[in-house]
Amino acid sequence: MNQGRAHVGTATILTIFMLLCLSVFGMLSVVSAQADLKLSRKTGEMVQGYYAADAQGEQALARADALLQQAWEQTAGLAGQERETAFLRSAGELLRFGEEFELSDGGEGLVISWSEPAGEGQTLEISVQVTPQGEWDIQRWQVVRTEAEEDESYGIDLWDGAA
């Protein structure tokens, strides 16, 4: 008796299953695209912050270099150890006049340090070693996190294993 009747139930169930699978994969694609967009925006902001801080750091380095050059020229009439000592003293006085630089003893010379804000939650820390001969060398040019990183991307409270 069932010879002329087609089995429509199997085809319907298979079609519904395929629609559910396509819907789930579509939703996963949308969620993934939103997460990628959020990450791209955050990365773009961080890159812009870094390059702005890098430009400010380069400008501050140019100001420090000009002050060091001025200190070197002020000690032009001296020679040897006397010039080196006078240069470091003069450089320290000139650099202390600007509030952006921190000075410390670097053993053989001065260490000039400062930081530039590099966007949300990070700073660019810069240190330059100055020798008694009037030369300088960058010791540190590094981005440092200033705030603890919080991951609020999903907002899911996960079980930490505690009872």
N, C-alpha and C. Protein backbone atom coordinates (compact mmCIF):
# COMPACT_ATOMS: atom_id res chain seq x y z
N MET A 1 0.79 -1.19 0.00
CA MET A 1 0.00 0.00 0.00
C MET A 1 0.84 1.27 0.00
N ASN A 2 2.02 1.22 0.48
CA ASN A 2 2.88 2.40 0.53
C ASN A 2 3.74 2.52 -0.71
N GLN A 3 3.46 1.79 -1.74
CA GLN A 3 4.33 1.80 -2.91
C GLN A 3 4.28 3.13 -3.68
N GLY A 4 3.19 3.77 -3.80
CA GLY A 4 3.07 4.99 -4.59
C GLY A 4 3.31 6.25 -3.79
N ARG A 5 3.53 6.16 -2.54
CA ARG A 5 3.67 7.33 -1.68
C ARG A 5 5.15 7.69 -1.49
N ALA A 6 5.50 8.97 -1.65
CA ALA A 6 6.87 9.43 -1.45
C ALA A 6 7.12 9.71 0.03
N HIS A 7 8.36 9.57 0.47
CA HIS A 7 8.75 9.82 1.87
C HIS A 7 9.14 11.28 2.03
N VAL A 8 8.18 12.12 2.29
CA VAL A 8 8.40 13.55 2.42
C VAL A 8 9.01 13.90 3.77
N GLY A 9 8.80 13.17 4.78
CA GLY A 9 9.29 13.46 6.12
C GLY A 9 10.81 13.50 6.20
N THR A 10 11.50 12.59 5.54
CA THR A 10 12.95 12.55 5.56
C THR A 10 13.53 13.78 4.88
N ALA A 11 13.00 14.17 3.75
CA ALA A 11 13.48 15.34 3.02
C ALA A 11 13.23 16.62 3.82
N THR A 12 12.11 16.70 4.49
CA THR A 12 11.80 17.88 5.29
C THR A 12 12.75 17.99 6.48
N ILE A 13 12.97 16.90 7.15
CA ILE A 13 13.88 16.91 8.29
C ILE A 13 15.29 17.28 7.84
N LEU A 14 15.72 16.74 6.72
CA LEU A 14 17.05 17.05 6.19
C LEU A 14 17.15 18.53 5.82
N THR A 15 16.12 19.10 5.24
CA THR A 15 16.10 20.52 4.87
C THR A 15 16.14 21.40 6.12
N ILE A 16 15.37 21.05 7.12
CA ILE A 16 15.37 21.83 8.37
C ILE A 16 16.74 21.76 9.03
N PHE A 17 17.35 20.60 9.05
CA PHE A 17 18.68 20.45 9.63
C PHE A 17 19.70 21.31 8.88
N MET A 18 19.64 21.35 7.56
CA MET A 18 20.56 22.16 6.76
C MET A 18 20.33 23.65 7.04
N LEU A 19 19.08 24.08 7.17
CA LEU A 19 18.79 25.48 7.48
C LEU A 19 19.33 25.85 8.87
N LEU A 20 19.18 24.97 9.83
CA LEU A 20 19.72 25.23 11.17
C LEU A 20 21.25 25.35 11.13
N CYS A 21 21.89 24.45 10.41
CA CYS A 21 23.36 24.50 10.29
C CYS A 21 23.80 25.80 9.63
N LEU A 22 23.16 26.21 8.56
CA LEU A 22 23.52 27.44 7.88
C LEU A 22 23.27 28.66 8.77
N SER A 23 22.20 28.63 9.56
CA SER A 23 21.91 29.73 10.47
C SER A 23 22.98 29.84 11.55
N VAL A 24 23.37 28.72 12.12
CA VAL A 24 24.40 28.73 13.16
C VAL A 24 25.72 29.22 12.59
N PHE A 25 26.12 28.75 11.43
CA PHE A 25 27.37 29.20 10.82
C PHE A 25 27.30 30.69 10.46
N GLY A 26 26.15 31.15 10.03
CA GLY A 26 25.97 32.58 9.74
C GLY A 26 26.13 33.42 10.99
N MET A 27 25.54 33.00 12.10
CA MET A 27 25.66 33.73 13.36
C MET A 27 27.12 33.73 13.85
N LEU A 28 27.79 32.60 13.72
CA LEU A 28 29.20 32.54 14.10
C LEU A 28 30.04 33.47 13.25
N SER A 29 29.73 33.59 11.99
CA SER A 29 30.46 34.50 11.11
C SER A 29 30.26 35.95 11.51
N VAL A 30 29.02 36.31 11.88
CA VAL A 30 28.74 37.68 12.31
C VAL A 30 29.48 37.99 13.62
N VAL A 31 29.44 37.08 14.58
CA VAL A 31 30.14 37.28 15.85
C VAL A 31 31.65 37.40 15.62
N SER A 32 32.20 36.56 14.78
CA SER A 32 33.62 36.61 14.47
C SER A 32 33.99 37.93 13.78
N ALA A 33 33.16 38.39 12.87
CA ALA A 33 33.44 39.66 12.18
C ALA A 33 33.39 40.84 13.16
N GLN A 34 32.45 40.81 14.11
CA GLN A 34 32.38 41.88 15.11
C GLN A 34 33.63 41.88 15.99
N ALA A 35 34.07 40.71 16.40
CA ALA A 35 35.29 40.62 17.22
C ALA A 35 36.50 41.11 16.44
N ASP A 36 36.59 40.75 15.16
CA ASP A 36 37.70 41.21 14.32
C ASP A 36 37.68 42.73 14.16
N LEU A 37 36.48 43.31 14.00
CA LEU A 37 36.35 44.76 13.87
C LEU A 37 36.80 45.46 15.15
N LYS A 38 36.38 44.93 16.30
CA LYS A 38 36.78 45.52 17.58
C LYS A 38 38.29 45.45 17.77
N LEU A 39 38.88 44.30 17.44
CA LEU A 39 40.33 44.14 17.56
C LEU A 39 41.07 45.08 16.60
N SER A 40 40.56 45.22 15.39
CA SER A 40 41.20 46.10 14.42
C SER A 40 41.16 47.55 14.88
N ARG A 41 40.05 47.98 15.43
CA ARG A 41 39.95 49.35 15.94
C ARG A 41 40.91 49.58 17.10
N LYS A 42 40.95 48.61 18.02
CA LYS A 42 41.85 48.74 19.17
C LYS A 42 43.31 48.77 18.71
N THR A 43 43.66 47.91 17.77
CA THR A 43 45.02 47.89 17.24
C THR A 43 45.35 49.21 16.55
N GLY A 44 44.40 49.74 15.79
CA GLY A 44 44.61 51.03 15.11
C GLY A 44 44.85 52.16 16.10
N GLU A 45 44.08 52.17 17.19
CA GLU A 45 44.27 53.20 18.21
C GLU A 45 45.64 53.07 18.87
N MET A 46 46.05 51.83 19.13
CA MET A 46 47.35 51.62 19.77
C MET A 46 48.50 52.03 18.84
N VAL A 47 48.36 51.73 17.56
CA VAL A 47 49.40 52.10 16.60
C VAL A 47 49.48 53.62 16.47
N GLN A 48 48.32 54.29 16.40
CA GLN A 48 48.33 55.75 16.32
C GLN A 48 48.96 56.35 17.57
N GLY A 49 48.62 55.80 18.74
CA GLY A 49 49.21 56.29 19.98
C GLY A 49 50.71 56.10 20.01
N TYR A 50 51.18 54.94 19.53
CA TYR A 50 52.63 54.69 19.52
C TYR A 50 53.35 55.68 18.62
N TYR A 51 52.84 55.87 17.41
CA TYR A 51 53.56 56.75 16.49
C TYR A 51 53.49 58.21 16.92
N ALA A 52 52.42 58.62 17.58
CA ALA A 52 52.37 59.97 18.14
C ALA A 52 53.41 60.12 19.24
N ALA A 53 53.50 59.11 20.12
CA ALA A 53 54.51 59.14 21.19
C ALA A 53 55.92 59.07 20.61
N ASP A 54 56.11 58.28 19.57
CA ASP A 54 57.41 58.18 18.92
C ASP A 54 57.84 59.53 18.36
N ALA A 55 56.91 60.24 17.72
CA ALA A 55 57.22 61.57 17.18
C ALA A 55 57.56 62.55 18.30
N GLN A 56 56.79 62.50 19.40
CA GLN A 56 57.09 63.36 20.55
C GLN A 56 58.45 63.01 21.16
N GLY A 57 58.76 61.72 21.22
CA GLY A 57 60.06 61.29 21.74
C GLY A 57 61.20 61.77 20.87
N GLU A 58 61.02 61.71 19.56
CA GLU A 58 62.05 62.21 18.64
C GLU A 58 62.26 63.72 18.80
N GLN A 59 61.15 64.45 18.99
CA GLN A 59 61.27 65.89 19.20
C GLN A 59 61.99 66.21 20.51
N ALA A 60 61.65 65.46 21.57
CA ALA A 60 62.33 65.66 22.85
C ALA A 60 63.81 65.30 22.74
N LEU A 61 64.12 64.25 21.99
CA LEU A 61 65.52 63.87 21.77
C LEU A 61 66.26 64.96 21.01
N ALA A 62 65.59 65.58 20.05
CA ALA A 62 66.22 66.69 19.31
C ALA A 62 66.48 67.87 20.24
N ARG A 63 65.54 68.15 21.16
CA ARG A 63 65.76 69.25 22.12
C ARG A 63 66.93 68.91 23.05
N ALA A 64 66.99 67.67 23.52
CA ALA A 64 68.10 67.25 24.39
C ALA A 64 69.42 67.34 23.63
N ASP A 65 69.42 66.93 22.37
CA ASP A 65 70.63 67.00 21.56
C ASP A 65 71.09 68.44 21.39
N ALA A 66 70.15 69.34 21.18
CA ALA A 66 70.51 70.76 21.04
C ALA A 66 71.11 71.29 22.34
N LEU A 67 70.54 70.89 23.48
CA LEU A 67 71.09 71.32 24.76
C LEU A 67 72.48 70.73 25.00
N LEU A 68 72.67 69.48 24.61
CA LEU A 68 73.99 68.86 24.74
C LEU A 68 75.01 69.55 23.84
N GLN A 69 74.59 69.91 22.64
CA GLN A 69 75.48 70.63 21.72
C GLN A 69 75.84 71.99 22.31
N GLN A 70 74.86 72.65 22.91
CA GLN A 70 75.11 73.95 23.54
C GLN A 70 76.11 73.79 24.70
N ALA A 71 75.95 72.75 25.50
CA ALA A 71 76.87 72.50 26.61
C ALA A 71 78.27 72.21 26.09
N TRP A 72 78.36 71.46 24.99
CA TRP A 72 79.67 71.13 24.41
C TRP A 72 80.36 72.40 23.91
N GLU A 73 79.59 73.28 23.28
CA GLU A 73 80.17 74.54 22.76
C GLU A 73 80.57 75.47 23.90
N GLN A 74 79.85 75.43 25.03
CA GLN A 74 80.20 76.27 26.18
C GLN A 74 81.54 75.87 26.78
N THR A 75 81.93 74.63 26.60
CA THR A 75 83.18 74.14 27.18
C THR A 75 84.30 74.05 26.14
N ALA A 76 84.15 74.77 25.04
CA ALA A 76 85.12 74.67 23.93
C ALA A 76 86.51 75.14 24.32
N GLY A 77 86.63 76.05 25.28
CA GLY A 77 87.95 76.57 25.67
C GLY A 77 88.73 75.64 26.58
N LEU A 78 88.11 74.56 27.01
CA LEU A 78 88.78 73.64 27.93
C LEU A 78 89.25 72.40 27.17
N ALA A 79 90.08 71.59 27.80
CA ALA A 79 90.59 70.40 27.14
C ALA A 79 90.65 69.23 28.12
N GLY A 80 90.64 68.03 27.56
CA GLY A 80 90.84 66.81 28.33
C GLY A 80 89.78 66.57 29.39
N GLN A 81 90.24 66.07 30.54
CA GLN A 81 89.36 65.73 31.65
C GLN A 81 88.59 66.94 32.15
N GLU A 82 89.24 68.10 32.12
CA GLU A 82 88.58 69.32 32.59
C GLU A 82 87.36 69.64 31.71
N ARG A 83 87.49 69.46 30.41
CA ARG A 83 86.36 69.73 29.50
C ARG A 83 85.25 68.71 29.71
N GLU A 84 85.62 67.45 29.90
CA GLU A 84 84.61 66.42 30.08
C GLU A 84 83.80 66.67 31.36
N THR A 85 84.48 67.02 32.43
CA THR A 85 83.79 67.31 33.69
C THR A 85 82.90 68.54 33.56
N ALA A 86 83.44 69.57 32.94
CA ALA A 86 82.67 70.81 32.74
C ALA A 86 81.48 70.56 31.80
N PHE A 87 81.67 69.73 30.79
CA PHE A 87 80.57 69.41 29.86
C PHE A 87 79.42 68.71 30.58
N LEU A 88 79.76 67.69 31.39
CA LEU A 88 78.71 66.96 32.11
C LEU A 88 77.98 67.87 33.09
N ARG A 89 78.72 68.77 33.76
CA ARG A 89 78.09 69.70 34.69
C ARG A 89 77.18 70.67 33.94
N SER A 90 77.67 71.23 32.84
CA SER A 90 76.90 72.18 32.05
C SER A 90 75.68 71.50 31.42
N ALA A 91 75.87 70.29 30.90
CA ALA A 91 74.75 69.55 30.31
C ALA A 91 73.68 69.27 31.35
N GLY A 92 74.11 68.87 32.55
CA GLY A 92 73.15 68.62 33.63
C GLY A 92 72.35 69.85 33.99
N GLU A 93 73.03 71.01 34.06
CA GLU A 93 72.33 72.25 34.39
C GLU A 93 71.33 72.62 33.30
N LEU A 94 71.74 72.51 32.05
CA LEU A 94 70.83 72.86 30.95
C LEU A 94 69.64 71.91 30.86
N LEU A 95 69.89 70.63 31.06
CA LEU A 95 68.82 69.65 30.96
C LEU A 95 67.87 69.72 32.16
N ARG A 96 68.37 70.11 33.33
CA ARG A 96 67.51 70.24 34.51
C ARG A 96 66.56 71.42 34.35
N PHE A 97 66.96 72.39 33.54
CA PHE A 97 66.13 73.58 33.34
C PHE A 97 64.80 73.18 32.71
N GLY A 98 64.82 72.23 31.78
CA GLY A 98 63.58 71.71 31.21
C GLY A 98 63.01 70.65 32.14
N GLU A 99 61.73 70.72 32.40
CA GLU A 99 61.13 69.82 33.38
C GLU A 99 60.84 68.43 32.82
N GLU A 100 60.96 68.25 31.53
CA GLU A 100 60.58 66.96 30.95
C GLU A 100 61.64 65.88 31.15
N PHE A 101 62.89 66.26 31.41
CA PHE A 101 63.97 65.29 31.50
C PHE A 101 64.30 64.95 32.95
N GLU A 102 64.56 63.67 33.20
CA GLU A 102 65.07 63.23 34.49
C GLU A 102 66.52 62.83 34.28
N LEU A 103 67.38 63.26 35.17
CA LEU A 103 68.81 62.97 35.05
C LEU A 103 69.25 62.03 36.16
N SER A 104 70.15 61.14 35.81
CA SER A 104 70.75 60.27 36.81
C SER A 104 72.19 60.00 36.40
N ASP A 105 72.96 59.51 37.36
CA ASP A 105 74.37 59.20 37.11
C ASP A 105 74.44 57.86 36.40
N GLY A 106 75.09 57.85 35.25
CA GLY A 106 75.20 56.62 34.48
C GLY A 106 76.56 55.98 34.59
N GLY A 107 77.27 56.24 35.68
CA GLY A 107 78.59 55.66 35.84
C GLY A 107 79.63 56.49 35.11
N GLU A 108 79.68 56.36 33.81
CA GLU A 108 80.66 57.09 33.02
C GLU A 108 80.16 58.47 32.60
N GLY A 109 78.87 58.69 32.64
CA GLY A 109 78.31 59.97 32.21
C GLY A 109 76.93 60.18 32.80
N LEU A 110 76.09 60.85 32.04
CA LEU A 110 74.72 61.12 32.47
C LEU A 110 73.75 60.17 31.77
N VAL A 111 72.64 59.90 32.43
CA VAL A 111 71.53 59.19 31.80
C VAL A 111 70.34 60.14 31.82
N ILE A 112 69.82 60.43 30.63
CA ILE A 112 68.65 61.28 30.49
C ILE A 112 67.46 60.36 30.24
N SER A 113 66.39 60.53 31.03
CA SER A 113 65.21 59.69 30.88
C SER A 113 63.97 60.56 30.81
N TRP A 114 63.00 60.10 30.06
CA TRP A 114 61.69 60.74 30.01
C TRP A 114 60.70 59.75 29.42
N SER A 115 59.43 60.09 29.54
CA SER A 115 58.41 59.23 28.98
C SER A 115 57.37 60.06 28.24
N GLU A 116 56.76 59.43 27.27
CA GLU A 116 55.72 60.07 26.45
C GLU A 116 54.47 59.20 26.51
N PRO A 117 53.29 59.80 26.69
CA PRO A 117 52.06 59.00 26.66
C PRO A 117 51.87 58.40 25.26
N ALA A 118 51.56 57.11 25.21
CA ALA A 118 51.44 56.41 23.93
C ALA A 118 50.06 55.80 23.76
N GLY A 119 49.05 56.54 24.13
CA GLY A 119 47.70 56.01 23.99
C GLY A 119 47.18 55.50 25.31
N GLU A 120 46.04 54.88 25.24
CA GLU A 120 45.35 54.41 26.44
C GLU A 120 46.11 53.27 27.11
N GLY A 121 46.55 53.52 28.34
CA GLY A 121 47.16 52.46 29.13
C GLY A 121 48.60 52.13 28.83
N GLN A 122 49.31 52.99 28.09
CA GLN A 122 50.71 52.69 27.80
C GLN A 122 51.51 53.98 27.64
N THR A 123 52.81 53.88 27.91
CA THR A 123 53.72 55.01 27.73
C THR A 123 54.97 54.53 27.00
N LEU A 124 55.61 55.46 26.33
CA LEU A 124 56.88 55.19 25.68
C LEU A 124 57.97 55.71 26.61
N GLU A 125 58.80 54.81 27.13
CA GLU A 125 59.88 55.19 28.04
C GLU A 125 61.19 55.25 27.27
N ILE A 126 61.91 56.37 27.47
CA ILE A 126 63.13 56.62 26.71
C ILE A 126 64.26 56.95 27.68
N SER A 127 65.42 56.34 27.44
CA SER A 127 66.63 56.63 28.21
C SER A 127 67.80 56.79 27.24
N VAL A 128 68.60 57.82 27.49
CA VAL A 128 69.76 58.12 26.64
C VAL A 128 70.98 58.25 27.53
N GLN A 129 72.05 57.55 27.19
CA GLN A 129 73.33 57.62 27.90
C GLN A 129 74.18 58.70 27.23
N VAL A 130 74.67 59.66 28.01
CA VAL A 130 75.54 60.73 27.50
C VAL A 130 76.94 60.50 28.03
N THR A 131 77.91 60.47 27.14
CA THR A 131 79.30 60.26 27.55
C THR A 131 79.97 61.61 27.83
N PRO A 132 81.06 61.61 28.58
CA PRO A 132 81.79 62.86 28.83
C PRO A 132 82.36 63.48 27.56
N GLN A 133 82.47 62.70 26.50
CA GLN A 133 83.01 63.23 25.24
C GLN A 133 81.94 63.92 24.39
N GLY A 134 80.73 64.04 24.91
CA GLY A 134 79.68 64.74 24.20
C GLY A 134 78.84 63.87 23.29
N GLU A 135 79.05 62.57 23.32
CA GLU A 135 78.27 61.66 22.48
C GLU A 135 77.14 61.07 23.30
N TRP A 136 76.09 60.63 22.62
CA TRP A 136 74.98 59.99 23.32
C TRP A 136 74.55 58.74 22.56
N ASP A 137 73.91 57.84 23.32
CA ASP A 137 73.45 56.57 22.77
C ASP A 137 72.10 56.23 23.40
N ILE A 138 71.15 55.86 22.59
CA ILE A 138 69.83 55.49 23.11
C ILE A 138 69.95 54.13 23.81
N GLN A 139 69.58 54.10 25.09
CA GLN A 139 69.63 52.87 25.87
C GLN A 139 68.29 52.17 25.90
N ARG A 140 67.22 52.96 25.87
CA ARG A 140 65.87 52.38 25.96
C ARG A 140 64.90 53.22 25.16
N TRP A 141 64.11 52.55 24.36
CA TRP A 141 63.02 53.18 23.59
C TRP A 141 61.93 52.12 23.54
N GLN A 142 61.11 52.08 24.59
CA GLN A 142 60.22 50.93 24.77
C GLN A 142 58.84 51.36 25.26
N VAL A 143 57.82 50.72 24.71
CA VAL A 143 56.44 50.93 25.15
C VAL A 143 56.19 50.05 26.36
N VAL A 144 55.62 50.65 27.42
CA VAL A 144 55.35 49.94 28.66
C VAL A 144 53.88 50.12 29.01
N ARG A 145 53.23 49.02 29.40
CA ARG A 145 51.84 49.09 29.84
C ARG A 145 51.78 49.78 31.19
N THR A 146 50.87 50.74 31.34
CA THR A 146 50.73 51.45 32.60
C THR A 146 49.50 51.01 33.37
N GLU A 147 48.60 50.30 32.71
CA GLU A 147 47.39 49.81 33.36
C GLU A 147 47.30 48.31 33.15
N ALA A 148 46.67 47.64 34.08
CA ALA A 148 46.45 46.20 33.92
C ALA A 148 45.47 45.99 32.78
N GLU A 149 45.79 45.05 31.93
CA GLU A 149 44.95 44.77 30.79
C GLU A 149 43.73 43.97 31.22
N GLU A 150 42.56 44.46 30.85
CA GLU A 150 41.33 43.77 31.17
C GLU A 150 40.69 43.31 29.88
N ASP A 151 40.29 42.06 29.86
CA ASP A 151 39.64 41.52 28.68
C ASP A 151 38.13 41.52 28.90
N GLU A 152 37.48 42.50 28.33
CA GLU A 152 36.03 42.61 28.45
C GLU A 152 35.36 42.27 27.12
N SER A 153 36.05 41.55 26.29
CA SER A 153 35.56 41.31 24.94
C SER A 153 34.31 40.44 24.91
N TYR A 154 34.18 39.52 25.84
CA TYR A 154 33.04 38.61 25.77
C TYR A 154 32.06 38.80 26.92
N GLY A 155 32.52 39.26 28.06
CA GLY A 155 31.64 39.48 29.18
C GLY A 155 31.07 38.20 29.75
N ILE A 156 31.78 37.08 29.64
CA ILE A 156 31.32 35.80 30.12
C ILE A 156 32.02 35.50 31.43
N ASP A 157 31.23 35.15 32.46
CA ASP A 157 31.81 34.74 33.72
C ASP A 157 32.10 33.25 33.65
N LEU A 158 33.37 32.92 33.66
CA LEU A 158 33.75 31.51 33.58
C LEU A 158 34.01 30.95 34.96
N TRP A 159 33.76 29.69 35.13
CA TRP A 159 34.00 29.01 36.38
C TRP A 159 35.49 28.86 36.57
N ASP A 160 36.01 29.28 37.73
CA ASP A 160 37.44 29.24 37.98
C ASP A 160 37.90 27.97 38.70
N GLY A 161 37.01 27.04 38.91
CA GLY A 161 37.38 25.78 39.53
C GLY A 161 37.15 25.74 41.02
N ALA A 162 36.85 26.90 41.64
CA ALA A 162 36.60 26.94 43.08
C ALA A 162 35.17 26.49 43.35
N ALA A 163 34.97 25.90 44.50
CA ALA A 163 33.63 25.41 44.85
C ALA A 163 32.69 26.51 45.23
